[in-house]
Amino acid sequence: MKFQLRLVAWGLFCIGSFPVASSVWFGQEKKEPTSAVPSSKEVKAKEPIVLATRSNDTSISSLISQYAADQKTLSARFRIPLDPIGQEYRRSMLSSWEAKLAAIPFEKLDRDNQIDWLMLDGKIRHDREGMERKEERNGAARPLIPYSDKLMQFCASKEHGTPLTAEEAATLLDAIATQANELTKALQKPAKDSDKKLQGEPMPATVAIDGSVLLDQFSR
């Protein structure tokens, strides 16, 4: 397990090398962050997202273009991994497209449109399955990043327009850097035989790789 965790150590070093935010910068005591990740309702009220599923154009070739546009819109708008708001939007968008496609009488379409319908239906199913697999793999890798909640809060402050105060940002960065440094030091220590016995079954290498991918996504 310790060997596999080294796959994400580079990411921990990157986070740990951030300048530790100090209360000296502000001449005040640091305060615990009070801003939480906003709800999807708050995001919708502040910045409505217009998706093509609301269009009345039901020609299949046009629907294919509209679906691709919706995917591009959500990918550009929700960039943070593990973001529950982005996940909710994507699930809602896929459900809307499934309902819209199901409402089209397949038997009344000509052969070309039937082929297009089947292609779009397959694409939607594939994207939903891919989204669910990604959420499952990210969930399994998340424990490798014990400060992921703090990273989420810091990134969401920019992503969703809920800025942190200087003191709150300093406290979050301090906590992230401290936890990253502690974990990095633990990974560098040679494992004792007693530790190996307590570790149990080794972690799959794919989980460690997914953890490093998560860290890389947070850095973008």
C-alpha atoms as a PDB file:
ATOM      1  CA  MET A   1       0.000   0.000   0.000  1.00  0.00           C
ATOM      2  CA  LYS A   2       2.821   2.381   0.907  1.00  0.00           C
ATOM      3  CA  PHE A   3       4.522   1.673  -2.404  1.00  0.00           C
ATOM      4  CA  GLN A   4       1.350   2.385  -4.361  1.00  0.00           C
ATOM      5  CA  LEU A   5       0.638   5.565  -2.435  1.00  0.00           C
ATOM      6  CA  ARG A   6       3.946   6.882  -3.748  1.00  0.00           C
ATOM      7  CA  LEU A   7       2.204   7.262  -7.098  1.00  0.00           C
ATOM      8  CA  VAL A   8       0.360  10.255  -5.683  1.00  0.00           C
ATOM      9  CA  ALA A   9       3.285  11.614  -3.700  1.00  0.00           C
ATOM     10  CA  TRP A  10       4.270  14.007  -6.485  1.00  0.00           C
ATOM     11  CA  GLY A  11       0.902  15.679  -6.169  1.00  0.00           C
ATOM     12  CA  LEU A  12       1.278  15.937  -2.422  1.00  0.00           C
ATOM     13  CA  PHE A  13       4.678  17.574  -2.874  1.00  0.00           C
ATOM     14  CA  CYS A  14       3.128  20.116  -5.240  1.00  0.00           C
ATOM     15  CA  ILE A  15       0.388  21.011  -2.773  1.00  0.00           C
ATOM     16  CA  GLY A  16       2.817  20.980   0.124  1.00  0.00           C
ATOM     17  CA  SER A  17       5.148  23.364  -1.677  1.00  0.00           C
ATOM     18  CA  PHE A  18       2.487  26.097  -1.832  1.00  0.00           C
ATOM     19  CA  PRO A  19       3.519  29.080   0.293  1.00  0.00           C
ATOM     20  CA  VAL A  20       1.875  28.579   3.652  1.00  0.00           C
ATOM     21  CA  ALA A  21      -0.594  31.394   4.134  1.00  0.00           C
ATOM     22  CA  SER A  22       0.160  33.176   7.359  1.00  0.00           C
ATOM     23  CA  SER A  23      -1.948  35.415   9.509  1.00  0.00           C
ATOM     24  CA  VAL A  24       1.042  37.794   9.520  1.00  0.00           C
ATOM     25  CA  TRP A  25       0.100  38.719   5.963  1.00  0.00           C
ATOM     26  CA  PHE A  26      -3.061  40.295   7.195  1.00  0.00           C
ATOM     27  CA  GLY A  27      -2.038  41.445  10.643  1.00  0.00           C
ATOM     28  CA  GLN A  28      -5.044  39.624  12.065  1.00  0.00           C
ATOM     29  CA  GLU A  29      -5.908  36.318  13.619  1.00  0.00           C
ATOM     30  CA  LYS A  30      -6.870  33.644  11.141  1.00  0.00           C
ATOM     31  CA  LYS A  31     -10.525  32.685  11.204  1.00  0.00           C
ATOM     32  CA  GLU A  32     -12.082  29.364  10.312  1.00  0.00           C
ATOM     33  CA  PRO A  33     -13.706  29.512   6.867  1.00  0.00           C
ATOM     34  CA  THR A  34     -17.437  30.027   7.068  1.00  0.00           C
ATOM     35  CA  SER A  35     -18.190  29.909   3.327  1.00  0.00           C
ATOM     36  CA  ALA A  36     -19.409  26.487   2.265  1.00  0.00           C
ATOM     37  CA  VAL A  37     -19.828  25.083  -1.216  1.00  0.00           C
ATOM     38  CA  PRO A  38     -23.080  26.642  -2.502  1.00  0.00           C
ATOM     39  CA  SER A  39     -26.113  24.556  -3.342  1.00  0.00           C
ATOM     40  CA  SER A  40     -27.220  23.927  -6.914  1.00  0.00           C
ATOM     41  CA  LYS A  41     -30.245  26.184  -6.320  1.00  0.00           C
ATOM     42  CA  GLU A  42     -27.944  29.065  -5.375  1.00  0.00           C
ATOM     43  CA  VAL A  43     -25.841  28.504  -8.489  1.00  0.00           C
ATOM     44  CA  LYS A  44     -28.922  28.358 -10.731  1.00  0.00           C
ATOM     45  CA  ALA A  45     -30.320  31.581  -9.247  1.00  0.00           C
ATOM     46  CA  LYS A  46     -27.038  33.416  -9.697  1.00  0.00           C
ATOM     47  CA  GLU A  47     -26.039  32.090 -13.118  1.00  0.00           C
ATOM     48  CA  PRO A  48     -28.764  30.265 -15.092  1.00  0.00           C
ATOM     49  CA  ILE A  49     -27.279  27.721 -17.481  1.00  0.00           C
ATOM     50  CA  VAL A  50     -29.075  27.493 -20.823  1.00  0.00           C
ATOM     51  CA  LEU A  51     -29.023  23.996 -22.285  1.00  0.00           C
ATOM     52  CA  ALA A  52     -30.119  22.849 -25.714  1.00  0.00           C
ATOM     53  CA  THR A  53     -32.593  20.360 -24.242  1.00  0.00           C
ATOM     54  CA  ARG A  54     -34.957  23.315 -23.974  1.00  0.00           C
ATOM     55  CA  SER A  55     -34.951  23.789 -27.750  1.00  0.00           C
ATOM     56  CA  ASN A  56     -38.098  22.889 -29.726  1.00  0.00           C
ATOM     57  CA  ASP A  57     -36.116  21.621 -32.706  1.00  0.00           C
ATOM     58  CA  THR A  58     -36.614  17.840 -32.758  1.00  0.00           C
ATOM     59  CA  SER A  59     -34.859  16.847 -35.995  1.00  0.00           C
ATOM     60  CA  ILE A  60     -32.485  14.052 -35.032  1.00  0.00           C
ATOM     61  CA  SER A  61     -29.414  15.502 -36.742  1.00  0.00           C
ATOM     62  CA  SER A  62     -30.049  18.775 -34.924  1.00  0.00           C
ATOM     63  CA  LEU A  63     -30.496  16.945 -31.608  1.00  0.00           C
ATOM     64  CA  ILE A  64     -27.078  15.327 -32.005  1.00  0.00           C
ATOM     65  CA  SER A  65     -25.472  18.766 -32.363  1.00  0.00           C
ATOM     66  CA  GLN A  66     -27.493  20.118 -29.443  1.00  0.00           C
ATOM     67  CA  TYR A  67     -26.453  17.239 -27.191  1.00  0.00           C
ATOM     68  CA  ALA A  68     -22.772  17.796 -28.024  1.00  0.00           C
ATOM     69  CA  ALA A  69     -23.233  21.501 -27.234  1.00  0.00           C
ATOM     70  CA  ASP A  70     -24.768  20.681 -23.846  1.00  0.00           C
ATOM     71  CA  GLN A  71     -21.875  18.401 -22.943  1.00  0.00           C
ATOM     72  CA  LYS A  72     -19.396  21.094 -23.935  1.00  0.00           C
ATOM     73  CA  THR A  73     -21.272  23.731 -21.905  1.00  0.00           C
ATOM     74  CA  LEU A  74     -21.245  21.666 -18.706  1.00  0.00           C
ATOM     75  CA  SER A  75     -17.618  20.584 -19.165  1.00  0.00           C
ATOM     76  CA  ALA A  76     -16.557  24.219 -19.458  1.00  0.00           C
ATOM     77  CA  ARG A  77     -18.751  25.411 -16.571  1.00  0.00           C
ATOM     78  CA  PHE A  78     -18.045  22.677 -14.014  1.00  0.00           C
ATOM     79  CA  ARG A  79     -14.336  21.893 -13.928  1.00  0.00           C
ATOM     80  CA  ILE A  80     -13.773  20.870 -10.306  1.00  0.00           C
ATOM     81  CA  PRO A  81     -13.510  17.128  -9.662  1.00  0.00           C
ATOM     82  CA  LEU A  82     -15.824  15.773  -6.942  1.00  0.00           C
ATOM     83  CA  ASP A  83     -18.089  18.808  -7.371  1.00  0.00           C
ATOM     84  CA  PRO A  84     -21.591  17.693  -6.276  1.00  0.00           C
ATOM     85  CA  ILE A  85     -23.192  20.613  -8.114  1.00  0.00           C
ATOM     86  CA  GLY A  86     -21.557  19.652 -11.392  1.00  0.00           C
ATOM     87  CA  GLN A  87     -22.559  16.035 -10.861  1.00  0.00           C
ATOM     88  CA  GLU A  88     -26.162  17.067 -10.241  1.00  0.00           C
ATOM     89  CA  TYR A  89     -26.243  19.183 -13.391  1.00  0.00           C
ATOM     90  CA  ARG A  90     -24.823  16.357 -15.502  1.00  0.00           C
ATOM     91  CA  ARG A  91     -27.279  13.794 -14.158  1.00  0.00           C
ATOM     92  CA  SER A  92     -30.158  16.205 -14.726  1.00  0.00           C
ATOM     93  CA  MET A  93     -28.988  16.973 -18.256  1.00  0.00           C
ATOM     94  CA  LEU A  94     -28.718  13.286 -19.168  1.00  0.00           C
ATOM     95  CA  SER A  95     -32.157  12.550 -17.722  1.00  0.00           C
ATOM     96  CA  SER A  96     -33.640  15.414 -19.748  1.00  0.00           C
ATOM     97  CA  TRP A  97     -32.080  14.094 -22.931  1.00  0.00           C
ATOM     98  CA  GLU A  98     -33.263  10.563 -22.234  1.00  0.00           C
ATOM     99  CA  ALA A  99     -36.811  11.855 -21.768  1.00  0.00           C
ATOM    100  CA  LYS A 100     -36.610  14.021 -24.893  1.00  0.00           C
ATOM    101  CA  LEU A 101     -35.383  11.144 -27.026  1.00  0.00           C
ATOM    102  CA  ALA A 102     -37.953   8.725 -25.601  1.00  0.00           C
ATOM    103  CA  ALA A 103     -40.749  11.150 -26.543  1.00  0.00           C
ATOM    104  CA  ILE A 104     -39.887  10.875 -30.253  1.00  0.00           C
ATOM    105  CA  PRO A 105     -41.917   8.091 -31.984  1.00  0.00           C
ATOM    106  CA  PHE A 106     -39.113   5.908 -33.326  1.00  0.00           C
ATOM    107  CA  GLU A 107     -41.366   3.911 -35.650  1.00  0.00           C
ATOM    108  CA  LYS A 108     -42.467   7.063 -37.473  1.00  0.00           C
ATOM    109  CA  LEU A 109     -38.938   8.117 -38.366  1.00  0.00           C
ATOM    110  CA  ASP A 110     -37.402   7.326 -41.714  1.00  0.00           C
ATOM    111  CA  ARG A 111     -34.406   4.983 -41.877  1.00  0.00           C
ATOM    112  CA  ASP A 112     -31.742   7.705 -41.716  1.00  0.00           C
ATOM    113  CA  ASN A 113     -33.363   9.355 -38.705  1.00  0.00           C
ATOM    114  CA  GLN A 114     -33.789   5.988 -36.992  1.00  0.00           C
ATOM    115  CA  ILE A 115     -30.051   5.394 -37.368  1.00  0.00           C
ATOM    116  CA  ASP A 116     -29.341   8.855 -35.947  1.00  0.00           C
ATOM    117  CA  TRP A 117     -31.776   8.185 -33.080  1.00  0.00           C
ATOM    118  CA  LEU A 118     -29.991   4.935 -32.206  1.00  0.00           C
ATOM    119  CA  MET A 119     -26.604   6.641 -32.349  1.00  0.00           C
ATOM    120  CA  LEU A 120     -27.709   9.423 -30.005  1.00  0.00           C
ATOM    121  CA  ASP A 121     -29.391   6.965 -27.651  1.00  0.00           C
ATOM    122  CA  GLY A 122     -26.197   4.903 -27.486  1.00  0.00           C
ATOM    123  CA  LYS A 123     -24.108   8.006 -26.878  1.00  0.00           C
ATOM    124  CA  ILE A 124     -26.306   9.131 -23.977  1.00  0.00           C
ATOM    125  CA  ARG A 125     -26.181   5.672 -22.390  1.00  0.00           C
ATOM    126  CA  HIS A 126     -22.422   5.536 -22.820  1.00  0.00           C
ATOM    127  CA  ASP A 127     -21.960   8.968 -21.246  1.00  0.00           C
ATOM    128  CA  ARG A 128     -24.160   8.092 -18.257  1.00  0.00           C
ATOM    129  CA  GLU A 129     -22.267   4.861 -17.635  1.00  0.00           C
ATOM    130  CA  GLY A 130     -18.956   6.704 -17.976  1.00  0.00           C
ATOM    131  CA  MET A 131     -20.085   9.382 -15.530  1.00  0.00           C
ATOM    132  CA  GLU A 132     -21.163   6.777 -12.972  1.00  0.00           C
ATOM    133  CA  ARG A 133     -17.892   4.856 -13.317  1.00  0.00           C
ATOM    134  CA  LYS A 134     -15.912   8.064 -12.873  1.00  0.00           C
ATOM    135  CA  GLU A 135     -17.879   9.023  -9.758  1.00  0.00           C
ATOM    136  CA  GLU A 136     -17.297   5.544  -8.317  1.00  0.00           C
ATOM    137  CA  ARG A 137     -13.563   5.609  -9.029  1.00  0.00           C
ATOM    138  CA  ASN A 138     -13.179   9.145  -7.668  1.00  0.00           C
ATOM    139  CA  GLY A 139     -15.040   8.101  -4.539  1.00  0.00           C
ATOM    140  CA  ALA A 140     -12.629   5.202  -4.019  1.00  0.00           C
ATOM    141  CA  ALA A 141      -9.594   7.444  -4.552  1.00  0.00           C
ATOM    142  CA  ARG A 142     -10.812  10.335  -2.428  1.00  0.00           C
ATOM    143  CA  PRO A 143      -9.533   8.916   0.911  1.00  0.00           C
ATOM    144  CA  LEU A 144      -5.998   9.218  -0.498  1.00  0.00           C
ATOM    145  CA  ILE A 145      -6.468  12.997  -0.378  1.00  0.00           C
ATOM    146  CA  PRO A 146      -7.535  13.686   3.226  1.00  0.00           C
ATOM    147  CA  TYR A 147      -7.694  17.418   2.539  1.00  0.00           C
ATOM    148  CA  SER A 148     -10.010  17.036  -0.488  1.00  0.00           C
ATOM    149  CA  ASP A 149     -12.891  18.800   1.292  1.00  0.00           C
ATOM    150  CA  LYS A 150     -10.692  21.836   1.882  1.00  0.00           C
ATOM    151  CA  LEU A 151      -9.510  21.777  -1.727  1.00  0.00           C
ATOM    152  CA  MET A 152     -13.141  21.622  -2.832  1.00  0.00           C
ATOM    153  CA  GLN A 153     -14.063  24.595  -0.678  1.00  0.00           C
ATOM    154  CA  PHE A 154     -11.131  26.663  -1.918  1.00  0.00           C
ATOM    155  CA  CYS A 155     -11.764  25.847  -5.610  1.00  0.00           C
ATOM    156  CA  ALA A 156     -15.537  26.240  -5.319  1.00  0.00           C
ATOM    157  CA  SER A 157     -15.081  29.774  -4.004  1.00  0.00           C
ATOM    158  CA  LYS A 158     -13.856  30.718  -7.484  1.00  0.00           C
ATOM    159  CA  GLU A 159     -15.892  28.251  -9.516  1.00  0.00           C
ATOM    160  CA  HIS A 160     -19.261  29.246  -8.053  1.00  0.00           C
ATOM    161  CA  GLY A 161     -18.641  32.892  -7.249  1.00  0.00           C
ATOM    162  CA  THR A 162     -18.620  32.622  -3.458  1.00  0.00           C
ATOM    163  CA  PRO A 163     -15.295  34.306  -2.635  1.00  0.00           C
ATOM    164  CA  LEU A 164     -13.525  33.641   0.630  1.00  0.00           C
ATOM    165  CA  THR A 165     -12.171  36.393   2.817  1.00  0.00           C
ATOM    166  CA  ALA A 166      -8.403  36.735   3.039  1.00  0.00           C
ATOM    167  CA  GLU A 167      -8.437  35.144   6.492  1.00  0.00           C
ATOM    168  CA  GLU A 168     -10.558  32.204   5.326  1.00  0.00           C
ATOM    169  CA  ALA A 169      -8.330  31.585   2.305  1.00  0.00           C
ATOM    170  CA  ALA A 170      -5.233  31.726   4.521  1.00  0.00           C
ATOM    171  CA  THR A 171      -6.685  29.192   6.949  1.00  0.00           C
ATOM    172  CA  LEU A 172      -7.609  26.774   4.165  1.00  0.00           C
ATOM    173  CA  LEU A 173      -4.184  27.008   2.523  1.00  0.00           C
ATOM    174  CA  ASP A 174      -2.470  26.530   5.871  1.00  0.00           C
ATOM    175  CA  ALA A 175      -4.526  23.396   6.575  1.00  0.00           C
ATOM    176  CA  ILE A 176      -3.986  21.971   3.074  1.00  0.00           C
ATOM    177  CA  ALA A 177      -0.224  22.540   3.180  1.00  0.00           C
ATOM    178  CA  THR A 178       0.066  21.069   6.688  1.00  0.00           C
ATOM    179  CA  GLN A 179      -1.879  17.906   5.833  1.00  0.00           C
ATOM    180  CA  ALA A 180      -0.022  17.459   2.540  1.00  0.00           C
ATOM    181  CA  ASN A 181       3.371  17.806   4.228  1.00  0.00           C
ATOM    182  CA  GLU A 182       2.428  15.355   6.979  1.00  0.00           C
ATOM    183  CA  LEU A 183       1.230  12.785   4.476  1.00  0.00           C
ATOM    184  CA  THR A 184       4.314  13.229   2.295  1.00  0.00           C
ATOM    185  CA  LYS A 185       6.609  12.682   5.297  1.00  0.00           C
ATOM    186  CA  ALA A 186       4.663   9.562   6.257  1.00  0.00           C
ATOM    187  CA  LEU A 187       5.123   8.167   2.747  1.00  0.00           C
ATOM    188  CA  GLN A 188       8.872   8.753   2.924  1.00  0.00           C
ATOM    189  CA  LYS A 189       9.339   6.783   6.147  1.00  0.00           C
ATOM    190  CA  PRO A 190      10.415   3.151   5.699  1.00  0.00           C
ATOM    191  CA  ALA A 191       7.591   0.808   6.613  1.00  0.00           C
ATOM    192  CA  LYS A 192       8.056  -1.289   9.745  1.00  0.00           C
ATOM    193  CA  ASP A 193       7.023  -4.941   9.842  1.00  0.00           C
ATOM    194  CA  SER A 194       4.345  -4.117  12.408  1.00  0.00           C
ATOM    195  CA  ASP A 195       2.952  -1.413  10.118  1.00  0.00           C
ATOM    196  CA  LYS A 196       2.818  -3.821   7.188  1.00  0.00           C
ATOM    197  CA  LYS A 197       0.756  -6.269   9.214  1.00  0.00           C
ATOM    198  CA  LEU A 198      -1.742  -3.549  10.147  1.00  0.00           C
ATOM    199  CA  GLN A 199      -2.105  -2.356   6.575  1.00  0.00           C
ATOM    200  CA  GLY A 200      -3.991  -5.464   5.478  1.00  0.00           C
ATOM    201  CA  GLU A 201      -4.672  -6.044   1.806  1.00  0.00           C
ATOM    202  CA  PRO A 202      -2.644  -3.879  -0.584  1.00  0.00           C
ATOM    203  CA  MET A 203      -4.491  -1.128  -2.379  1.00  0.00           C
ATOM    204  CA  PRO A 204      -5.104  -1.660  -6.112  1.00  0.00           C
ATOM    205  CA  ALA A 205      -2.672   0.361  -8.203  1.00  0.00           C
ATOM    206  CA  THR A 206      -5.587   1.804 -10.187  1.00  0.00           C
ATOM    207  CA  VAL A 207      -6.901   3.534  -7.053  1.00  0.00           C
ATOM    208  CA  ALA A 208      -3.531   5.201  -6.456  1.00  0.00           C
ATOM    209  CA  ILE A 209      -3.433   6.299 -10.097  1.00  0.00           C
ATOM    210  CA  ASP A 210      -6.953   7.730  -9.817  1.00  0.00           C
ATOM    211  CA  GLY A 211      -5.802   9.667  -6.752  1.00  0.00           C
ATOM    212  CA  SER A 212      -2.942  11.249  -8.690  1.00  0.00           C
ATOM    213  CA  VAL A 213      -5.346  12.107 -11.520  1.00  0.00           C
ATOM    214  CA  LEU A 214      -7.670  13.836  -9.032  1.00  0.00           C
ATOM    215  CA  LEU A 215      -4.818  15.956  -7.718  1.00  0.00           C
ATOM    216  CA  ASP A 216      -3.835  16.875 -11.259  1.00  0.00           C
ATOM    217  CA  GLN A 217      -7.424  17.949 -12.021  1.00  0.00           C
ATOM    218  CA  PHE A 218      -7.498  20.163  -8.925  1.00  0.00           C
ATOM    219  CA  SER A 219      -4.326  21.910 -10.089  1.00  0.00           C
ATOM    220  CA  ARG A 220      -5.831  22.944 -13.442  1.00  0.00           C
END
